[in-house]
Amino acid sequence: MRICVAGAYGAFGTKHLDALSAIEDVTVTSVMGPTKAKIEALAAERGIAHASTSLAECIGRDDVDAVILATPTQMHAEQAIACMNAGKPVLIEIPMADSLEDSEMICRVQKETGVLAMAGQVRRFNPSHQWIKAKIDAGELNVQQMDVQTYFFRRSNMNAKGEPRSWTDHLLWHHACHTVDLFQYQTGEVPSQCYALEGPHHPELGIAMDMSIGMKTPSGAICTLSLSFNNDGPLGTFFRYICDNGTYIASYDDLYDGRNNPIDLSDVAVSSNGIELIDREFISAIREKREPNGTVHEVLDAMRTLDRLEKCFEN
């Protein structure tokens, strides 16, 4: 399998390059980035044969079988559609778009072309959440409440590597997207009720720096999500699953019970790296000619919920 990584020198492009290096029979044959000197330097450092500032050039190559888009969110829809029209399966980093309209357009083109398109909902693949999902599927757990905190200290436009961003991140369409999709995935339901509140907008970035979200499924499970770019403390996302048969706390790839006893996840997956696991699923689905876990169509309901939440800000 020969892969192009677009947005390769960004924070998550680098994570995908590292993850792909651990997967057998996979070669990154092309990388794309907006700055010629930087993308060529990255290709030379990693021993990648081709580098370009043009996605069209990359997906036009015979030695590119599939594409991972780790580019700015605002480019996802246009670039994903270009990949599908070129016959290249595409994994779109979260979120697949920053509007319901663009998300629906991606799904429409996928149906028209029949080319595999997967949304990068990595929480589905973190071993901690996989362990919970397996218990739910086995009938051993039911989620009563998910209490989630997504906290960063990001008052300037910097990425996860501490480098300046060329675009502006968003608490709702990016960071809440993780939890909205995960809540629907774990409960198997679309919320029948949802609300959102946002705090003041940053005077320069133009985005809300704090947000509160609540959701409830038809069967009664609830989710409470707090998000902030103003939090000067422990950073990251922390999930508390309050279930009918136990309480569990997930932090990325680690899992604890309600009394902070660690749970062994060594048998859950071949890796503890969620990015590697989502890349493995993408590649396996292409090879096996099947739909992956996290197709754009499966994730569309989460994008519809985000659209409903965004409308709360208009009231």
Protein backbone atom coordinates (compact mmCIF):
# COMPACT_ATOMS: atom_id res chain seq x y z
CA MET A 1 0.00 0.00 0.00
CA ARG A 2 1.46 3.33 -1.11
CA ILE A 3 0.22 6.35 0.80
CA CYS A 4 0.27 10.11 0.34
CA VAL A 5 0.07 12.16 3.54
CA ALA A 6 -1.19 15.69 2.90
CA GLY A 7 -0.40 18.23 5.59
CA ALA A 8 2.53 16.02 6.48
CA TYR A 9 4.61 18.43 8.58
CA GLY A 10 1.72 19.57 10.79
CA ALA A 11 1.17 18.12 14.25
CA PHE A 12 -1.11 15.32 13.09
CA GLY A 13 0.57 14.77 9.76
CA THR A 14 3.69 13.87 11.72
CA LYS A 15 1.68 11.51 13.94
CA HIS A 16 0.37 9.71 10.85
CA LEU A 17 3.86 9.41 9.37
CA ASP A 18 5.09 7.82 12.60
CA ALA A 19 2.07 5.50 12.75
CA LEU A 20 2.41 4.36 9.14
CA SER A 21 6.05 3.47 9.73
CA ALA A 22 4.87 0.80 12.18
CA ILE A 23 2.48 -0.87 9.73
CA GLU A 24 3.73 -3.73 7.59
CA ASP A 25 3.75 -3.47 3.78
CA VAL A 26 2.98 0.25 3.81
CA THR A 27 5.14 2.93 2.21
CA VAL A 28 4.64 6.68 2.25
CA THR A 29 5.50 7.55 -1.35
CA SER A 30 4.36 11.18 -1.38
CA VAL A 31 3.91 14.06 1.04
CA MET A 32 2.19 17.38 0.50
CA GLY A 33 2.46 20.68 2.36
CA PRO A 34 1.96 24.36 1.55
CA THR A 35 5.60 25.46 1.94
CA LYS A 36 8.04 24.04 -0.62
CA ALA A 37 11.18 24.22 1.52
CA LYS A 38 9.52 22.63 4.55
CA ILE A 39 7.85 19.75 2.71
CA GLU A 40 11.01 18.95 0.72
CA ALA A 41 13.07 18.99 3.91
CA LEU A 42 10.60 16.61 5.59
CA ALA A 43 10.68 14.24 2.61
CA ALA A 44 14.47 14.20 2.62
CA GLU A 45 14.60 13.59 6.37
CA ARG A 46 12.13 10.69 6.15
CA GLY A 47 13.43 9.20 2.90
CA ILE A 48 10.17 9.87 1.03
CA ALA A 49 10.60 9.97 -2.74
CA HIS A 50 8.11 12.68 -3.67
CA ALA A 51 7.09 16.00 -2.12
CA SER A 52 4.87 18.74 -3.47
CA THR A 53 2.84 21.77 -2.54
CA SER A 54 0.07 20.53 -4.87
CA LEU A 55 -2.39 17.85 -3.81
CA ALA A 56 -3.46 17.45 -7.45
CA GLU A 57 0.10 16.52 -8.36
CA CYS A 58 0.27 13.98 -5.53
CA ILE A 59 -3.01 12.21 -6.30
CA GLY A 60 -2.20 12.14 -10.00
CA ARG A 61 0.76 9.85 -9.38
CA ASP A 62 0.66 6.14 -10.16
CA ASP A 63 2.58 5.33 -6.98
CA VAL A 64 -0.13 6.74 -4.69
CA ASP A 65 -2.85 4.23 -3.77
CA ALA A 66 -4.59 6.20 -1.02
CA VAL A 67 -4.46 9.54 0.79
CA ILE A 68 -4.52 10.70 4.41
CA LEU A 69 -5.63 14.32 4.76
CA ALA A 70 -4.10 16.04 7.80
CA THR A 71 -4.65 19.47 6.29
CA PRO A 72 -6.56 22.48 7.71
CA THR A 73 -10.22 21.69 8.37
CA GLN A 74 -11.48 24.29 5.93
CA MET A 75 -9.80 22.40 3.07
CA HIS A 76 -11.12 18.93 3.93
CA ALA A 77 -14.26 18.85 1.80
CA GLU A 78 -12.65 20.13 -1.39
CA GLN A 79 -9.59 17.92 -0.98
CA ALA A 80 -11.55 14.78 -0.04
CA ILE A 81 -13.74 15.23 -3.11
CA ALA A 82 -10.66 15.67 -5.30
CA CYS A 83 -9.22 12.40 -3.92
CA MET A 84 -12.43 10.47 -4.52
CA ASN A 85 -12.79 11.86 -8.03
CA ALA A 86 -9.22 10.71 -8.69
CA GLY A 87 -10.15 7.20 -7.50
CA LYS A 88 -8.00 7.42 -4.35
CA PRO A 89 -9.43 6.15 -1.04
CA VAL A 90 -9.18 8.91 1.56
CA LEU A 91 -8.92 9.15 5.34
CA ILE A 92 -9.96 12.63 6.45
CA GLU A 93 -8.56 13.81 9.78
CA ILE A 94 -11.14 14.97 12.29
CA PRO A 95 -13.38 16.76 11.54
CA MET A 96 -14.27 15.71 8.01
CA ALA A 97 -15.65 19.24 7.52
CA ASP A 98 -16.63 22.28 9.56
CA SER A 99 -20.22 22.42 8.35
CA LEU A 100 -23.08 20.03 7.78
CA GLU A 101 -23.37 21.19 4.17
CA ASP A 102 -19.77 20.21 3.37
CA SER A 103 -20.13 16.92 5.26
CA GLU A 104 -23.21 16.02 3.22
CA MET A 105 -21.38 16.94 0.03
CA ILE A 106 -18.52 14.56 0.91
CA CYS A 107 -21.05 11.76 1.53
CA ARG A 108 -22.83 12.50 -1.73
CA VAL A 109 -19.61 12.29 -3.74
CA GLN A 110 -18.66 9.07 -1.98
CA LYS A 111 -21.92 7.50 -3.11
CA GLU A 112 -21.42 8.79 -6.65
CA THR A 113 -17.83 7.55 -6.98
CA GLY A 114 -17.94 4.46 -4.76
CA VAL A 115 -14.44 5.34 -3.51
CA LEU A 116 -13.77 4.56 0.15
CA ALA A 117 -13.91 7.63 2.40
CA MET A 118 -13.28 7.42 6.14
CA ALA A 119 -13.57 10.10 8.81
CA GLY A 120 -10.75 10.28 11.35
CA GLN A 121 -12.75 9.60 14.52
CA VAL A 122 -9.78 8.29 16.47
CA ARG A 123 -11.67 7.91 19.76
CA ARG A 124 -13.42 4.87 18.24
CA PHE A 125 -9.98 3.25 18.05
CA ASN A 126 -8.28 4.22 21.31
CA PRO A 127 -7.92 0.96 23.30
CA SER A 128 -9.62 2.53 26.32
CA HIS A 129 -12.81 3.22 24.36
CA GLN A 130 -12.55 -0.07 22.46
CA TRP A 131 -12.60 -1.90 25.82
CA ILE A 132 -15.79 -0.07 26.83
CA LYS A 133 -17.38 -0.74 23.42
CA ALA A 134 -16.66 -4.47 23.69
CA LYS A 135 -18.37 -4.59 27.10
CA ILE A 136 -21.39 -2.73 25.71
CA ASP A 137 -21.63 -5.05 22.69
CA ALA A 138 -21.41 -8.08 24.99
CA GLY A 139 -24.34 -6.78 27.05
CA GLU A 140 -22.19 -6.27 30.15
CA LEU A 141 -22.48 -2.46 30.31
CA ASN A 142 -24.93 0.28 29.46
CA VAL A 143 -23.86 3.92 29.51
CA GLN A 144 -25.93 6.03 31.89
CA GLN A 145 -23.81 9.15 31.56
CA MET A 146 -20.63 10.29 29.86
CA ASP A 147 -18.98 13.21 31.62
CA VAL A 148 -16.22 14.65 29.43
CA GLN A 149 -13.70 17.47 29.85
CA THR A 150 -11.70 18.75 26.87
CA TYR A 151 -9.24 21.30 28.17
CA PHE A 152 -6.41 23.22 26.51
CA PHE A 153 -4.51 26.45 27.15
CA ARG A 154 -4.49 27.95 23.68
CA ARG A 155 -4.95 31.72 23.67
CA SER A 156 -2.91 32.19 20.51
CA ASN A 157 -3.15 30.42 17.17
CA MET A 158 -0.66 27.61 17.84
CA ASN A 159 -0.86 23.92 16.96
CA ALA A 160 -0.15 20.88 19.14
CA LYS A 161 3.56 21.18 18.29
CA GLY A 162 3.65 24.76 19.58
CA GLU A 163 3.99 26.15 16.06
CA PRO A 164 1.90 28.96 14.50
CA ARG A 165 -1.22 27.78 12.66
CA SER A 166 -2.31 29.06 9.26
CA TRP A 167 -5.95 28.43 10.24
CA THR A 168 -8.10 28.70 13.37
CA ASP A 169 -9.13 25.69 15.44
CA HIS A 170 -12.70 25.34 16.73
CA LEU A 171 -14.07 23.90 19.98
CA LEU A 172 -17.36 22.74 18.44
CA TRP A 173 -16.52 21.43 14.96
CA HIS A 174 -13.18 19.88 15.95
CA HIS A 175 -12.91 19.09 19.64
CA ALA A 176 -16.58 18.47 20.43
CA CYS A 177 -16.76 16.33 17.29
CA HIS A 178 -14.68 13.67 19.07
CA THR A 179 -17.12 13.33 21.94
CA VAL A 180 -20.35 13.76 19.97
CA ASP A 181 -19.38 10.91 17.66
CA LEU A 182 -18.09 8.75 20.51
CA PHE A 183 -21.27 9.23 22.57
CA GLN A 184 -23.42 8.20 19.61
CA TYR A 185 -21.07 5.30 18.79
CA GLN A 186 -21.06 3.93 22.35
CA THR A 187 -24.81 4.31 22.93
CA GLY A 188 -25.85 3.38 19.39
CA GLU A 189 -28.28 6.31 19.38
CA VAL A 190 -28.57 9.84 18.01
CA PRO A 191 -29.42 12.41 20.70
CA SER A 192 -33.08 13.34 20.84
CA GLN A 193 -32.22 16.41 22.90
CA CYS A 194 -29.12 18.61 22.81
CA TYR A 195 -28.07 22.09 23.82
CA ALA A 196 -24.91 24.19 23.75
CA LEU A 197 -23.68 27.35 25.43
CA GLU A 198 -20.62 29.33 24.43
CA GLY A 199 -18.55 31.86 26.32
CA PRO A 200 -17.04 35.11 25.03
CA HIS A 201 -15.25 35.10 21.69
CA HIS A 202 -11.53 35.78 21.51
CA PRO A 203 -11.03 39.35 20.25
CA GLU A 204 -8.50 38.30 17.60
CA LEU A 205 -9.25 34.64 16.85
CA GLY A 206 -13.00 35.24 16.63
CA ILE A 207 -13.90 31.90 18.27
CA ALA A 208 -15.52 30.95 21.55
CA MET A 209 -12.87 30.00 24.09
CA ASP A 210 -15.24 28.12 26.41
CA MET A 211 -18.22 25.90 25.69
CA SER A 212 -20.72 23.65 27.47
CA ILE A 213 -22.70 20.90 25.71
CA GLY A 214 -25.44 18.56 26.89
CA MET A 215 -27.02 15.64 25.04
CA LYS A 216 -29.64 12.98 25.80
CA THR A 217 -30.52 9.86 23.80
CA PRO A 218 -34.06 8.52 23.37
CA SER A 219 -33.29 5.72 25.86
CA GLY A 220 -32.14 8.22 28.50
CA ALA A 221 -28.31 8.19 28.39
CA ILE A 222 -26.86 11.66 28.87
CA CYS A 223 -23.57 13.33 28.01
CA THR A 224 -22.14 16.44 29.63
CA LEU A 225 -19.19 17.99 27.79
CA SER A 226 -17.11 20.95 28.94
CA LEU A 227 -14.53 22.46 26.58
CA SER A 228 -12.02 25.27 27.03
CA PHE A 229 -9.04 26.93 25.40
CA ASN A 230 -8.58 28.96 28.63
CA ASN A 231 -7.68 26.10 30.98
CA ASP A 232 -4.23 26.63 32.55
CA GLY A 233 -3.87 23.19 34.11
CA PRO A 234 -3.86 19.52 33.13
CA LEU A 235 -4.43 19.44 29.38
CA GLY A 236 -6.23 16.89 27.21
CA THR A 237 -9.57 15.12 27.18
CA PHE A 238 -10.83 13.05 30.10
CA PHE A 239 -13.85 10.74 29.81
CA ARG A 240 -15.85 9.41 32.75
CA TYR A 241 -18.23 6.61 31.81
CA ILE A 242 -20.91 6.17 34.46
CA CYS A 243 -22.53 2.82 33.63
CA ASP A 244 -25.12 0.49 35.10
CA ASN A 245 -22.32 -1.90 36.01
CA GLY A 246 -19.30 0.18 36.94
CA THR A 247 -17.63 3.53 36.41
CA TYR A 248 -14.62 3.97 34.13
CA ILE A 249 -12.25 6.83 33.43
CA ALA A 250 -10.56 6.99 30.02
CA SER A 251 -7.65 9.24 29.18
CA TYR A 252 -6.55 8.72 25.58
CA ASP A 253 -5.06 5.21 25.56
CA ASP A 254 -5.32 4.53 29.31
CA LEU A 255 -8.32 3.29 31.30
CA TYR A 256 -9.09 3.18 35.04
CA ASP A 257 -12.05 2.05 37.08
CA GLY A 258 -13.96 4.53 39.22
CA ARG A 259 -11.48 4.10 42.06
CA ASN A 260 -8.49 4.83 39.81
CA ASN A 261 -7.32 1.23 39.54
CA PRO A 262 -5.70 0.72 36.10
CA ILE A 263 -7.33 -1.69 33.67
CA ASP A 264 -5.09 -3.88 31.54
CA LEU A 265 -5.62 -3.04 27.85
CA SER A 266 -2.74 -5.10 26.47
CA ASP A 267 -5.05 -7.60 24.74
CA VAL A 268 -7.41 -5.03 23.20
CA ALA A 269 -5.44 -4.21 20.04
CA VAL A 270 -2.10 -4.71 18.32
CA SER A 271 -1.00 -1.23 19.41
CA SER A 272 -1.73 1.28 22.15
CA ASN A 273 -1.47 4.13 19.62
CA GLY A 274 -4.91 5.28 18.48
CA ILE A 275 -3.53 6.97 15.36
CA GLU A 276 -1.79 3.76 14.30
CA LEU A 277 -4.99 1.79 14.89
CA ILE A 278 -7.13 4.10 12.78
CA ASP A 279 -4.53 3.99 9.99
CA ARG A 280 -4.51 0.19 10.20
CA GLU A 281 -8.29 0.11 9.84
CA PHE A 282 -8.16 2.42 6.82
CA ILE A 283 -5.52 0.30 5.08
CA SER A 284 -7.20 -3.01 5.97
CA ALA A 285 -10.54 -1.81 4.64
CA ILE A 286 -8.95 -0.87 1.31
CA ARG A 287 -7.17 -4.21 1.03
CA GLU A 288 -10.25 -6.20 2.01
CA LYS A 289 -12.59 -4.10 -0.15
CA ARG A 290 -14.97 -3.42 2.73
CA GLU A 291 -16.40 -0.45 4.56
CA PRO A 292 -14.20 0.75 7.44
CA ASN A 293 -15.33 1.54 10.94
CA GLY A 294 -15.95 5.29 10.71
CA THR A 295 -17.09 5.78 7.12
CA VAL A 296 -18.15 9.32 6.33
CA HIS A 297 -21.74 8.07 6.24
CA GLU A 298 -21.50 6.62 9.77
CA VAL A 299 -20.12 9.90 11.09
CA LEU A 300 -22.67 12.10 9.29
CA ASP A 301 -25.13 11.81 12.19
CA ALA A 302 -22.51 13.34 14.48
CA MET A 303 -22.11 16.24 12.05
CA ARG A 304 -25.89 16.70 12.08
CA THR A 305 -25.78 16.89 15.88
CA LEU A 306 -22.98 19.47 15.72
CA ASP A 307 -25.12 21.53 13.35
CA ARG A 308 -28.01 21.36 15.83
CA LEU A 309 -25.67 22.43 18.63
CA GLU A 310 -24.32 25.35 16.60
CA LYS A 311 -27.86 26.61 16.08
CA CYS A 312 -28.18 26.94 19.88
CA PHE A 313 -25.72 29.83 19.72
CA GLU A 314 -28.16 31.79 17.56
CA ASN A 315 -30.78 31.89 20.32
